[in-house]
Amino acid sequence: MSWAYADKPEMTAQLAEAYTVAGNANDALVVPAGLGFAKTRQKQPELNLYQPDKRHPTLPGTYLAACTIFAALTGRSPIGNPYHAGLDEPTAKFLQEVAWETVQEYFGR
C-alpha cells in the first residue's frame, strides 16, 4: 500500500481502501505502509518522511516502510531490531513501534 502525497494526506483513506480491495480480490498480502505514514505524521508531524517532491520517501520514510514490510511478512515485531539504517536510536525505535502498531491494527491482531 503506497502512501499519500505529503501535500495530500486526504489520499490515505482512498489508497487504503483500493489496496485492501485489490489485495482481497487477488488473495494477495497488502502491506499497510501508507497507513504507517499517516500514523507517523499524526504522532510526530515534525519527522520528515518525504523528499522535496512530496512523493518519494526520505531515509526515515524508507525505514518505516521497511519495518512495515518486515512486520507484515513475518508477523513479528520490528521493535528492537538493531539495524537503524543510519538513523538515531530514538527515531528508529519510534518508526519500529509505528510499523508494528500499524500492522497489528490493519490485520486485526
PDB file of N, CA and C in Angstrom:
ATOM      1  N   MET A   1       0.848  -1.173   0.000  1.00  0.00           N
ATOM      2  CA  MET A   1       0.000   0.000   0.000  1.00  0.00           C
ATOM      3  C   MET A   1       0.892   1.233   0.000  1.00  0.00           C
ATOM      4  N   SER A   2       0.732   2.066  -1.001  1.00  0.00           N
ATOM      5  CA  SER A   2       1.541   3.278  -1.045  1.00  0.00           C
ATOM      6  C   SER A   2       0.962   4.324  -0.098  1.00  0.00           C
ATOM      7  N   TRP A   3       1.696   5.391   0.055  1.00  0.00           N
ATOM      8  CA  TRP A   3       1.320   6.449   0.991  1.00  0.00           C
ATOM      9  C   TRP A   3       0.788   7.651   0.236  1.00  0.00           C
ATOM     10  N   ALA A   4       0.053   8.459   0.940  1.00  0.00           N
ATOM     11  CA  ALA A   4      -0.461   9.703   0.370  1.00  0.00           C
ATOM     12  C   ALA A   4       0.696  10.662   0.121  1.00  0.00           C
ATOM     13  N   TYR A   5       0.504  11.565  -0.811  1.00  0.00           N
ATOM     14  CA  TYR A   5       1.490  12.620  -1.035  1.00  0.00           C
ATOM     15  C   TYR A   5       1.525  13.510   0.208  1.00  0.00           C
ATOM     16  N   ALA A   6       2.672  14.100   0.465  1.00  0.00           N
ATOM     17  CA  ALA A   6       2.827  14.943   1.653  1.00  0.00           C
ATOM     18  C   ALA A   6       1.823  16.077   1.686  1.00  0.00           C
ATOM     19  N   ASP A   7       1.502  16.603   0.529  1.00  0.00           N
ATOM     20  CA  ASP A   7       0.573  17.728   0.458  1.00  0.00           C
ATOM     21  C   ASP A   7      -0.871  17.305   0.202  1.00  0.00           C
ATOM     22  N   LYS A   8      -1.133  15.989   0.231  1.00  0.00           N
ATOM     23  CA  LYS A   8      -2.494  15.483   0.015  1.00  0.00           C
ATOM     24  C   LYS A   8      -2.797  14.321   0.965  1.00  0.00           C
ATOM     25  N   PRO A   9      -2.760  14.575   2.283  1.00  0.00           N
ATOM     26  CA  PRO A   9      -2.973  13.482   3.238  1.00  0.00           C
ATOM     27  C   PRO A   9      -4.358  12.849   3.132  1.00  0.00           C
ATOM     28  N   GLU A  10      -5.282  13.567   2.530  1.00  0.00           N
ATOM     29  CA  GLU A  10      -6.629  13.015   2.368  1.00  0.00           C
ATOM     30  C   GLU A  10      -6.649  11.801   1.433  1.00  0.00           C
ATOM     31  N   MET A  11      -5.572  11.551   0.716  1.00  0.00           N
ATOM     32  CA  MET A  11      -5.475  10.383  -0.160  1.00  0.00           C
ATOM     33  C   MET A  11      -5.405   9.073   0.627  1.00  0.00           C
ATOM     34  N   THR A  12      -5.034   9.138   1.889  1.00  0.00           N
ATOM     35  CA  THR A  12      -4.768   7.928   2.680  1.00  0.00           C
ATOM     36  C   THR A  12      -5.942   6.961   2.680  1.00  0.00           C
ATOM     37  N   ALA A  13      -7.131   7.432   2.985  1.00  0.00           N
ATOM     38  CA  ALA A  13      -8.290   6.531   3.081  1.00  0.00           C
ATOM     39  C   ALA A  13      -8.601   5.876   1.739  1.00  0.00           C
ATOM     40  N   GLN A  14      -8.536   6.645   0.671  1.00  0.00           N
ATOM     41  CA  GLN A  14      -8.818   6.091  -0.661  1.00  0.00           C
ATOM     42  C   GLN A  14      -7.782   5.048  -1.056  1.00  0.00           C
ATOM     43  N   LEU A  15      -6.514   5.341  -0.799  1.00  0.00           N
ATOM     44  CA  LEU A  15      -5.459   4.386  -1.118  1.00  0.00           C
ATOM     45  C   LEU A  15      -5.619   3.105  -0.301  1.00  0.00           C
ATOM     46  N   ALA A  16      -5.869   3.253   0.993  1.00  0.00           N
ATOM     47  CA  ALA A  16      -6.030   2.079   1.850  1.00  0.00           C
ATOM     48  C   ALA A  16      -7.182   1.208   1.369  1.00  0.00           C
ATOM     49  N   GLU A  17      -8.286   1.822   1.030  1.00  0.00           N
ATOM     50  CA  GLU A  17      -9.445   1.072   0.546  1.00  0.00           C
ATOM     51  C   GLU A  17      -9.123   0.360  -0.766  1.00  0.00           C
ATOM     52  N   ALA A  18      -8.529   1.066  -1.707  1.00  0.00           N
ATOM     53  CA  ALA A  18      -8.242   0.479  -3.016  1.00  0.00           C
ATOM     54  C   ALA A  18      -7.251  -0.686  -2.905  1.00  0.00           C
ATOM     55  N   TYR A  19      -6.205  -0.511  -2.124  1.00  0.00           N
ATOM     56  CA  TYR A  19      -5.228  -1.588  -1.975  1.00  0.00           C
ATOM     57  C   TYR A  19      -5.836  -2.787  -1.242  1.00  0.00           C
ATOM     58  N   THR A  20      -6.657  -2.537  -0.242  1.00  0.00           N
ATOM     59  CA  THR A  20      -7.281  -3.629   0.502  1.00  0.00           C
ATOM     60  C   THR A  20      -8.234  -4.409  -0.388  1.00  0.00           C
ATOM     61  N   VAL A  21      -9.051  -3.718  -1.161  1.00  0.00           N
ATOM     62  CA  VAL A  21      -9.986  -4.381  -2.078  1.00  0.00           C
ATOM     63  C   VAL A  21      -9.207  -5.213  -3.106  1.00  0.00           C
ATOM     64  N   ALA A  22      -8.174  -4.627  -3.696  1.00  0.00           N
ATOM     65  CA  ALA A  22      -7.375  -5.340  -4.695  1.00  0.00           C
ATOM     66  C   ALA A  22      -6.671  -6.547  -4.078  1.00  0.00           C
ATOM     67  N   GLY A  23      -6.130  -6.385  -2.882  1.00  0.00           N
ATOM     68  CA  GLY A  23      -5.477  -7.496  -2.211  1.00  0.00           C
ATOM     69  C   GLY A  23      -6.438  -8.634  -1.917  1.00  0.00           C
ATOM     70  N   ASN A  24      -7.620  -8.291  -1.413  1.00  0.00           N
ATOM     71  CA  ASN A  24      -8.618  -9.320  -1.116  1.00  0.00           C
ATOM     72  C   ASN A  24      -9.092 -10.021  -2.375  1.00  0.00           C
ATOM     73  N   ALA A  25      -9.287  -9.278  -3.435  1.00  0.00           N
ATOM     74  CA  ALA A  25      -9.768  -9.860  -4.696  1.00  0.00           C
ATOM     75  C   ALA A  25      -8.740 -10.798  -5.325  1.00  0.00           C
ATOM     76  N   ASN A  26      -7.474 -10.579  -5.014  1.00  0.00           N
ATOM     77  CA  ASN A  26      -6.405 -11.368  -5.622  1.00  0.00           C
ATOM     78  C   ASN A  26      -5.685 -12.276  -4.636  1.00  0.00           C
ATOM     79  N   ASP A  27      -6.252 -12.421  -3.449  1.00  0.00           N
ATOM     80  CA  ASP A  27      -5.646 -13.242  -2.400  1.00  0.00           C
ATOM     81  C   ASP A  27      -4.174 -12.875  -2.206  1.00  0.00           C
ATOM     82  N   ALA A  28      -3.928 -11.570  -2.151  1.00  0.00           N
ATOM     83  CA  ALA A  28      -2.568 -11.046  -2.019  1.00  0.00           C
ATOM     84  C   ALA A  28      -2.399 -10.323  -0.690  1.00  0.00           C
ATOM     85  N   LEU A  29      -1.218 -10.447  -0.134  1.00  0.00           N
ATOM     86  CA  LEU A  29      -0.889  -9.735   1.096  1.00  0.00           C
ATOM     87  C   LEU A  29      -0.734  -8.249   0.800  1.00  0.00           C
ATOM     88  N   VAL A  30      -1.368  -7.432   1.590  1.00  0.00           N
ATOM     89  CA  VAL A  30      -1.215  -5.985   1.478  1.00  0.00           C
ATOM     90  C   VAL A  30      -0.413  -5.518   2.682  1.00  0.00           C
ATOM     91  N   VAL A  31       0.646  -4.791   2.417  1.00  0.00           N
ATOM     92  CA  VAL A  31       1.479  -4.219   3.473  1.00  0.00           C
ATOM     93  C   VAL A  31       1.002  -2.787   3.692  1.00  0.00           C
ATOM     94  N   PRO A  32       0.534  -2.456   4.890  1.00  0.00           N
ATOM     95  CA  PRO A  32      -0.078  -1.142   5.121  1.00  0.00           C
ATOM     96  C   PRO A  32       0.914   0.002   5.337  1.00  0.00           C
ATOM     97  N   ALA A  33       1.878   0.117   4.440  1.00  0.00           N
ATOM     98  CA  ALA A  33       2.892   1.177   4.573  1.00  0.00           C
ATOM     99  C   ALA A  33       2.250   2.562   4.578  1.00  0.00           C
ATOM    100  N   GLY A  34       1.255   2.771   3.733  1.00  0.00           N
ATOM    101  CA  GLY A  34       0.600   4.074   3.672  1.00  0.00           C
ATOM    102  C   GLY A  34      -0.063   4.461   4.984  1.00  0.00           C
ATOM    103  N   LEU A  35      -0.639   3.477   5.655  1.00  0.00           N
ATOM    104  CA  LEU A  35      -1.253   3.758   6.956  1.00  0.00           C
ATOM    105  C   LEU A  35      -0.180   4.079   7.998  1.00  0.00           C
ATOM    106  N   GLY A  36       0.990   3.455   7.854  1.00  0.00           N
ATOM    107  CA  GLY A  36       2.104   3.771   8.746  1.00  0.00           C
ATOM    108  C   GLY A  36       2.587   5.205   8.565  1.00  0.00           C
ATOM    109  N   PHE A  37       2.623   5.659   7.313  1.00  0.00           N
ATOM    110  CA  PHE A  37       2.999   7.052   7.061  1.00  0.00           C
ATOM    111  C   PHE A  37       1.998   7.988   7.724  1.00  0.00           C
ATOM    112  N   ALA A  38       0.710   7.700   7.564  1.00  0.00           N
ATOM    113  CA  ALA A  38      -0.322   8.564   8.151  1.00  0.00           C
ATOM    114  C   ALA A  38      -0.216   8.584   9.672  1.00  0.00           C
ATOM    115  N   LYS A  39       0.014   7.422  10.269  1.00  0.00           N
ATOM    116  CA  LYS A  39       0.131   7.342  11.726  1.00  0.00           C
ATOM    117  C   LYS A  39       1.358   8.113  12.215  1.00  0.00           C
ATOM    118  N   THR A  40       2.459   7.998  11.499  1.00  0.00           N
ATOM    119  CA  THR A  40       3.671   8.724  11.872  1.00  0.00           C
ATOM    120  C   THR A  40       3.435  10.227  11.810  1.00  0.00           C
ATOM    121  N   ARG A  41       2.799  10.678  10.747  1.00  0.00           N
ATOM    122  CA  ARG A  41       2.536  12.112  10.594  1.00  0.00           C
ATOM    123  C   ARG A  41       1.612  12.614  11.695  1.00  0.00           C
ATOM    124  N   GLN A  42       0.704  11.758  12.152  1.00  0.00           N
ATOM    125  CA  GLN A  42      -0.209  12.132  13.227  1.00  0.00           C
ATOM    126  C   GLN A  42       0.531  12.216  14.563  1.00  0.00           C
ATOM    127  N   LYS A  43       1.393  11.242  14.825  1.00  0.00           N
ATOM    128  CA  LYS A  43       2.080  11.169  16.113  1.00  0.00           C
ATOM    129  C   LYS A  43       3.294  12.085  16.216  1.00  0.00           C
ATOM    130  N   GLN A  44       3.984  12.259  15.095  1.00  0.00           N
ATOM    131  CA  GLN A  44       5.216  13.048  15.131  1.00  0.00           C
ATOM    132  C   GLN A  44       5.346  13.822  13.812  1.00  0.00           C
ATOM    133  N   PRO A  45       4.505  14.841  13.632  1.00  0.00           N
ATOM    134  CA  PRO A  45       4.462  15.553  12.344  1.00  0.00           C
ATOM    135  C   PRO A  45       5.768  16.237  11.960  1.00  0.00           C
ATOM    136  N   GLU A  46       6.631  16.480  12.915  1.00  0.00           N
ATOM    137  CA  GLU A  46       7.905  17.137  12.588  1.00  0.00           C
ATOM    138  C   GLU A  46       8.907  16.191  11.936  1.00  0.00           C
ATOM    139  N   LEU A  47       8.655  14.886  11.983  1.00  0.00           N
ATOM    140  CA  LEU A  47       9.544  13.909  11.360  1.00  0.00           C
ATOM    141  C   LEU A  47       9.262  13.882   9.863  1.00  0.00           C
ATOM    142  N   ASN A  48      10.225  14.278   9.076  1.00  0.00           N
ATOM    143  CA  ASN A  48      10.038  14.393   7.636  1.00  0.00           C
ATOM    144  C   ASN A  48      10.181  13.040   6.951  1.00  0.00           C
ATOM    145  N   LEU A  49       9.093  12.543   6.399  1.00  0.00           N
ATOM    146  CA  LEU A  49       9.096  11.265   5.693  1.00  0.00           C
ATOM    147  C   LEU A  49       9.234  11.424   4.190  1.00  0.00           C
ATOM    148  N   TYR A  50       9.223  12.652   3.691  1.00  0.00           N
ATOM    149  CA  TYR A  50       9.162  12.908   2.255  1.00  0.00           C
ATOM    150  C   TYR A  50      10.329  13.720   1.718  1.00  0.00           C
ATOM    151  N   GLN A  51      10.729  13.379   0.503  1.00  0.00           N
ATOM    152  CA  GLN A  51      11.689  14.180  -0.249  1.00  0.00           C
ATOM    153  C   GLN A  51      11.012  15.499  -0.641  1.00  0.00           C
ATOM    154  N   PRO A  52      11.765  16.480  -1.133  1.00  0.00           N
ATOM    155  CA  PRO A  52      11.158  17.756  -1.523  1.00  0.00           C
ATOM    156  C   PRO A  52      10.040  17.643  -2.565  1.00  0.00           C
ATOM    157  N   ASP A  53      10.031  16.553  -3.342  1.00  0.00           N
ATOM    158  CA  ASP A  53       8.956  16.397  -4.338  1.00  0.00           C
ATOM    159  C   ASP A  53       7.616  16.002  -3.705  1.00  0.00           C
ATOM    160  N   LYS A  54       7.617  15.745  -2.384  1.00  0.00           N
ATOM    161  CA  LYS A  54       6.423  15.417  -1.601  1.00  0.00           C
ATOM    162  C   LYS A  54       5.805  14.071  -1.974  1.00  0.00           C
ATOM    163  N   ARG A  55       6.544  13.259  -2.688  1.00  0.00           N
ATOM    164  CA  ARG A  55       6.050  11.958  -3.133  1.00  0.00           C
ATOM    165  C   ARG A  55       6.930  10.807  -2.656  1.00  0.00           C
ATOM    166  N   HIS A  56       8.244  10.973  -2.833  1.00  0.00           N
ATOM    167  CA  HIS A  56       9.188   9.907  -2.527  1.00  0.00           C
ATOM    168  C   HIS A  56       9.673  10.007  -1.083  1.00  0.00           C
ATOM    169  N   PRO A  57      10.013   8.848  -0.492  1.00  0.00           N
ATOM    170  CA  PRO A  57      10.387   8.854   0.927  1.00  0.00           C
ATOM    171  C   PRO A  57      11.819   9.289   1.193  1.00  0.00           C
ATOM    172  N   THR A  58      12.002   9.894   2.343  1.00  0.00           N
ATOM    173  CA  THR A  58      13.327  10.179   2.883  1.00  0.00           C
ATOM    174  C   THR A  58      13.841   8.886   3.517  1.00  0.00           C
ATOM    175  N   LEU A  59      15.016   8.939   4.125  1.00  0.00           N
ATOM    176  CA  LEU A  59      15.531   7.774   4.844  1.00  0.00           C
ATOM    177  C   LEU A  59      14.564   7.317   5.937  1.00  0.00           C
ATOM    178  N   PRO A  60      14.021   8.223   6.769  1.00  0.00           N
ATOM    179  CA  PRO A  60      13.047   7.755   7.767  1.00  0.00           C
ATOM    180  C   PRO A  60      11.805   7.120   7.126  1.00  0.00           C
ATOM    181  N   GLY A  61      11.333   7.678   6.021  1.00  0.00           N
ATOM    182  CA  GLY A  61      10.175   7.098   5.339  1.00  0.00           C
ATOM    183  C   GLY A  61      10.476   5.718   4.785  1.00  0.00           C
ATOM    184  N   THR A  62      11.643   5.557   4.225  1.00  0.00           N
ATOM    185  CA  THR A  62      12.057   4.260   3.691  1.00  0.00           C
ATOM    186  C   THR A  62      12.207   3.242   4.814  1.00  0.00           C
ATOM    187  N   TYR A  63      12.785   3.676   5.931  1.00  0.00           N
ATOM    188  CA  TYR A  63      12.951   2.786   7.082  1.00  0.00           C
ATOM    189  C   TYR A  63      11.589   2.358   7.629  1.00  0.00           C
ATOM    190  N   LEU A  64      10.668   3.290   7.725  1.00  0.00           N
ATOM    191  CA  LEU A  64       9.313   2.962   8.177  1.00  0.00           C
ATOM    192  C   LEU A  64       8.675   1.928   7.258  1.00  0.00           C
ATOM    193  N   ALA A  65       8.771   2.142   5.955  1.00  0.00           N
ATOM    194  CA  ALA A  65       8.197   1.187   5.001  1.00  0.00           C
ATOM    195  C   ALA A  65       8.845  -0.184   5.169  1.00  0.00           C
ATOM    196  N   ALA A  66      10.165  -0.224   5.332  1.00  0.00           N
ATOM    197  CA  ALA A  66      10.860  -1.497   5.502  1.00  0.00           C
ATOM    198  C   ALA A  66      10.416  -2.214   6.780  1.00  0.00           C
ATOM    199  N   CYS A  67      10.270  -1.472   7.861  1.00  0.00           N
ATOM    200  CA  CYS A  67       9.799  -2.075   9.116  1.00  0.00           C
ATOM    201  C   CYS A  67       8.381  -2.615   8.963  1.00  0.00           C
ATOM    202  N   THR A  68       7.562  -1.905   8.229  1.00  0.00           N
ATOM    203  CA  THR A  68       6.178  -2.343   7.997  1.00  0.00           C
ATOM    204  C   THR A  68       6.166  -3.612   7.151  1.00  0.00           C
ATOM    205  N   ILE A  69       7.001  -3.663   6.134  1.00  0.00           N
ATOM    206  CA  ILE A  69       7.100  -4.863   5.302  1.00  0.00           C
ATOM    207  C   ILE A  69       7.564  -6.047   6.138  1.00  0.00           C
ATOM    208  N   PHE A  70       8.598  -5.845   6.932  1.00  0.00           N
ATOM    209  CA  PHE A  70       9.098  -6.916   7.803  1.00  0.00           C
ATOM    210  C   PHE A  70       7.980  -7.458   8.689  1.00  0.00           C
ATOM    211  N   ALA A  71       7.262  -6.567   9.350  1.00  0.00           N
ATOM    212  CA  ALA A  71       6.210  -6.985  10.274  1.00  0.00           C
ATOM    213  C   ALA A  71       5.081  -7.716   9.550  1.00  0.00           C
ATOM    214  N   ALA A  72       4.685  -7.208   8.390  1.00  0.00           N
ATOM    215  CA  ALA A  72       3.582  -7.835   7.645  1.00  0.00           C
ATOM    216  C   ALA A  72       3.987  -9.212   7.111  1.00  0.00           C
ATOM    217  N   LEU A  73       5.207  -9.334   6.625  1.00  0.00           N
ATOM    218  CA  LEU A  73       5.644 -10.612   6.048  1.00  0.00           C
ATOM    219  C   LEU A  73       5.920 -11.678   7.091  1.00  0.00           C
ATOM    220  N   THR A  74       6.466 -11.276   8.219  1.00  0.00           N
ATOM    221  CA  THR A  74       6.892 -12.260   9.217  1.00  0.00           C
ATOM    222  C   THR A  74       5.898 -12.443  10.359  1.00  0.00           C
ATOM    223  N   GLY A  75       5.049 -11.436  10.579  1.00  0.00           N
ATOM    224  CA  GLY A  75       4.170 -11.475  11.743  1.00  0.00           C
ATOM    225  C   GLY A  75       4.920 -11.197  13.034  1.00  0.00           C
ATOM    226  N   ARG A  76       6.156 -10.730  12.912  1.00  0.00           N
ATOM    227  CA  ARG A  76       6.981 -10.434  14.085  1.00  0.00           C
ATOM    228  C   ARG A  76       7.201  -8.941  14.210  1.00  0.00           C
ATOM    229  N   SER A  77       7.408  -8.519  15.427  1.00  0.00           N
ATOM    230  CA  SER A  77       7.640  -7.112  15.693  1.00  0.00           C
ATOM    231  C   SER A  77       9.041  -6.694  15.246  1.00  0.00           C
ATOM    232  N   PRO A  78       9.139  -5.518  14.609  1.00  0.00           N
ATOM    233  CA  PRO A  78      10.467  -4.984  14.292  1.00  0.00           C
ATOM    234  C   PRO A  78      11.099  -4.246  15.470  1.00  0.00           C
ATOM    235  N   ILE A  79      10.342  -4.093  16.566  1.00  0.00           N
ATOM    236  CA  ILE A  79      10.840  -3.344  17.722  1.00  0.00           C
ATOM    237  C   ILE A  79      12.041  -4.074  18.319  1.00  0.00           C
ATOM    238  N   GLY A  80      13.123  -3.347  18.452  1.00  0.00           N
ATOM    239  CA  GLY A  80      14.344  -3.915  18.990  1.00  0.00           C
ATOM    240  C   GLY A  80      15.327  -4.355  17.918  1.00  0.00           C
ATOM    241  N   ASN A  81      14.937  -4.282  16.664  1.00  0.00           N
ATOM    242  CA  ASN A  81      15.869  -4.622  15.595  1.00  0.00           C
ATOM    243  C   ASN A  81      17.072  -3.685  15.693  1.00  0.00           C
ATOM    244  N   PRO A  82      18.281  -4.218  15.757  1.00  0.00           N
ATOM    245  CA  PRO A  82      19.448  -3.364  15.939  1.00  0.00           C
ATOM    246  C   PRO A  82      19.856  -2.572  14.694  1.00  0.00           C
ATOM    247  N   TYR A  83      19.319  -2.932  13.541  1.00  0.00           N
ATOM    248  CA  TYR A  83      19.661  -2.188  12.323  1.00  0.00           C
ATOM    249  C   TYR A  83      18.834  -0.911  12.269  1.00  0.00           C
ATOM    250  N   HIS A  84      19.520   0.225  12.216  1.00  0.00           N
ATOM    251  CA  HIS A  84      18.831   1.520  12.235  1.00  0.00           C
ATOM    252  C   HIS A  84      19.028   2.328  10.962  1.00  0.00           C
ATOM    253  N   ALA A  85      19.712   1.766   9.972  1.00  0.00           N
ATOM    254  CA  ALA A  85      19.903   2.419   8.665  1.00  0.00           C
ATOM    255  C   ALA A  85      20.527   3.805   8.773  1.00  0.00           C
ATOM    256  N   GLY A  86      21.291   4.039   9.817  1.00  0.00           N
ATOM    257  CA  GLY A  86      21.917   5.341   9.994  1.00  0.00           C
ATOM    258  C   GLY A  86      21.062   6.348  10.741  1.00  0.00           C
ATOM    259  N   LEU A  87      19.865   5.959  11.133  1.00  0.00           N
ATOM    260  CA  LEU A  87      19.004   6.846  11.926  1.00  0.00           C
ATOM    261  C   LEU A  87      19.438   6.787  13.389  1.00  0.00           C
ATOM    262  N   ASP A  88      19.151   7.840  14.132  1.00  0.00           N
ATOM    263  CA  ASP A  88      19.447   7.791  15.560  1.00  0.00           C
ATOM    264  C   ASP A  88      18.507   6.785  16.217  1.00  0.00           C
ATOM    265  N   GLU A  89      18.937   6.260  17.345  1.00  0.00           N
ATOM    266  CA  GLU A  89      18.177   5.184  18.001  1.00  0.00           C
ATOM    267  C   GLU A  89      16.743   5.569  18.359  1.00  0.00           C
ATOM    268  N   PRO A  90      16.490   6.751  18.932  1.00  0.00           N
ATOM    269  CA  PRO A  90      15.100   7.089  19.252  1.00  0.00           C
ATOM    270  C   PRO A  90      14.189   7.158  18.011  1.00  0.00           C
ATOM    271  N   THR A  91      14.703   7.681  16.914  1.00  0.00           N
ATOM    272  CA  THR A  91      13.889   7.757  15.688  1.00  0.00           C
ATOM    273  C   THR A  91      13.615   6.365  15.149  1.00  0.00           C
ATOM    274  N   ALA A  92      14.639   5.531  15.093  1.00  0.00           N
ATOM    275  CA  ALA A  92      14.458   4.168  14.604  1.00  0.00           C
ATOM    276  C   ALA A  92      13.459   3.407  15.477  1.00  0.00           C
ATOM    277  N   LYS A  93      13.589   3.538  16.784  1.00  0.00           N
ATOM    278  CA  LYS A  93      12.671   2.843  17.699  1.00  0.00           C
ATOM    279  C   LYS A  93      11.235   3.332  17.498  1.00  0.00           C
ATOM    280  N   PHE A  94      11.061   4.629  17.356  1.00  0.00           N
ATOM    281  CA  PHE A  94       9.731   5.192  17.120  1.00  0.00           C
ATOM    282  C   PHE A  94       9.133   4.613  15.833  1.00  0.00           C
ATOM    283  N   LEU A  95       9.908   4.573  14.767  1.00  0.00           N
ATOM    284  CA  LEU A  95       9.394   4.051  13.495  1.00  0.00           C
ATOM    285  C   LEU A  95       9.104   2.550  13.574  1.00  0.00           C
ATOM    286  N   GLN A  96       9.927   1.820  14.309  1.00  0.00           N
ATOM    287  CA  GLN A  96       9.656   0.399  14.531  1.00  0.00           C
ATOM    288  C   GLN A  96       8.323   0.221  15.259  1.00  0.00           C
ATOM    289  N   GLU A  97       8.094   1.044  16.273  1.00  0.00           N
ATOM    290  CA  GLU A  97       6.850   0.964  17.047  1.00  0.00           C
ATOM    291  C   GLU A  97       5.636   1.310  16.190  1.00  0.00           C
ATOM    292  N   VAL A  98       5.753   2.350  15.374  1.00  0.00           N
ATOM    293  CA  VAL A  98       4.636   2.735  14.497  1.00  0.00           C
ATOM    294  C   VAL A  98       4.347   1.621  13.494  1.00  0.00           C
ATOM    295  N   ALA A  99       5.389   1.049  12.924  1.00  0.00           N
ATOM    296  CA  ALA A  99       5.200  -0.033  11.953  1.00  0.00           C
ATOM    297  C   ALA A  99       4.467  -1.215  12.596  1.00  0.00           C
ATOM    298  N   TRP A 100       4.897  -1.611  13.766  1.00  0.00           N
ATOM    299  CA  TRP A 100       4.290  -2.750  14.446  1.00  0.00           C
ATOM    300  C   TRP A 100       2.832  -2.451  14.815  1.00  0.00           C
ATOM    301  N   GLU A 101       2.593  -1.290  15.362  1.00  0.00           N
ATOM    302  CA  GLU A 101       1.232  -0.890  15.726  1.00  0.00           C
ATOM    303  C   GLU A 101       0.329  -0.861  14.484  1.00  0.00           C
ATOM    304  N   THR A 102       0.826  -0.335  13.396  1.00  0.00           N
ATOM    305  CA  THR A 102       0.055  -0.241  12.159  1.00  0.00           C
ATOM    306  C   THR A 102      -0.293  -1.626  11.622  1.00  0.00           C
ATOM    307  N   VAL A 103       0.675  -2.506  11.592  1.00  0.00           N
ATOM    308  CA  VAL A 103       0.438  -3.863  11.081  1.00  0.00           C
ATOM    309  C   VAL A 103      -0.554  -4.605  11.980  1.00  0.00           C
ATOM    310  N   GLN A 104      -0.407  -4.494  13.278  1.00  0.00           N
ATOM    311  CA  GLN A 104      -1.335  -5.170  14.186  1.00  0.00           C
ATOM    312  C   GLN A 104      -2.763  -4.638  13.991  1.00  0.00           C
ATOM    313  N   GLU A 105      -2.910  -3.343  13.861  1.00  0.00           N
ATOM    314  CA  GLU A 105      -4.242  -2.765  13.657  1.00  0.00           C
ATOM    315  C   GLU A 105      -4.824  -3.186  12.312  1.00  0.00           C
ATOM    316  N   TYR A 106      -4.019  -3.153  11.272  1.00  0.00           N
ATOM    317  CA  TYR A 106      -4.513  -3.465   9.938  1.00  0.00           C
ATOM    318  C   TYR A 106      -4.989  -4.911   9.834  1.00  0.00           C
ATOM    319  N   PHE A 107      -4.221  -5.827  10.422  1.00  0.00           N
ATOM    320  CA  PHE A 107      -4.586  -7.235  10.355  1.00  0.00           C
ATOM    321  C   PHE A 107      -5.451  -7.688  11.519  1.00  0.00           C
ATOM    322  N   GLY A 108      -5.859  -6.744  12.377  1.00  0.00           N
ATOM    323  CA  GLY A 108      -6.767  -7.061  13.471  1.00  0.00           C
ATOM    324  C   GLY A 108      -6.197  -7.969  14.519  1.00  0.00           C
ATOM    325  N   ARG A 109      -4.929  -7.808  14.795  1.00  0.00           N
ATOM    326  CA  ARG A 109      -4.290  -8.687  15.803  1.00  0.00           C
ATOM    327  C   ARG A 109      -4.298  -8.036  17.154  1.00  0.00           C
TER     328      ARG A 109
END
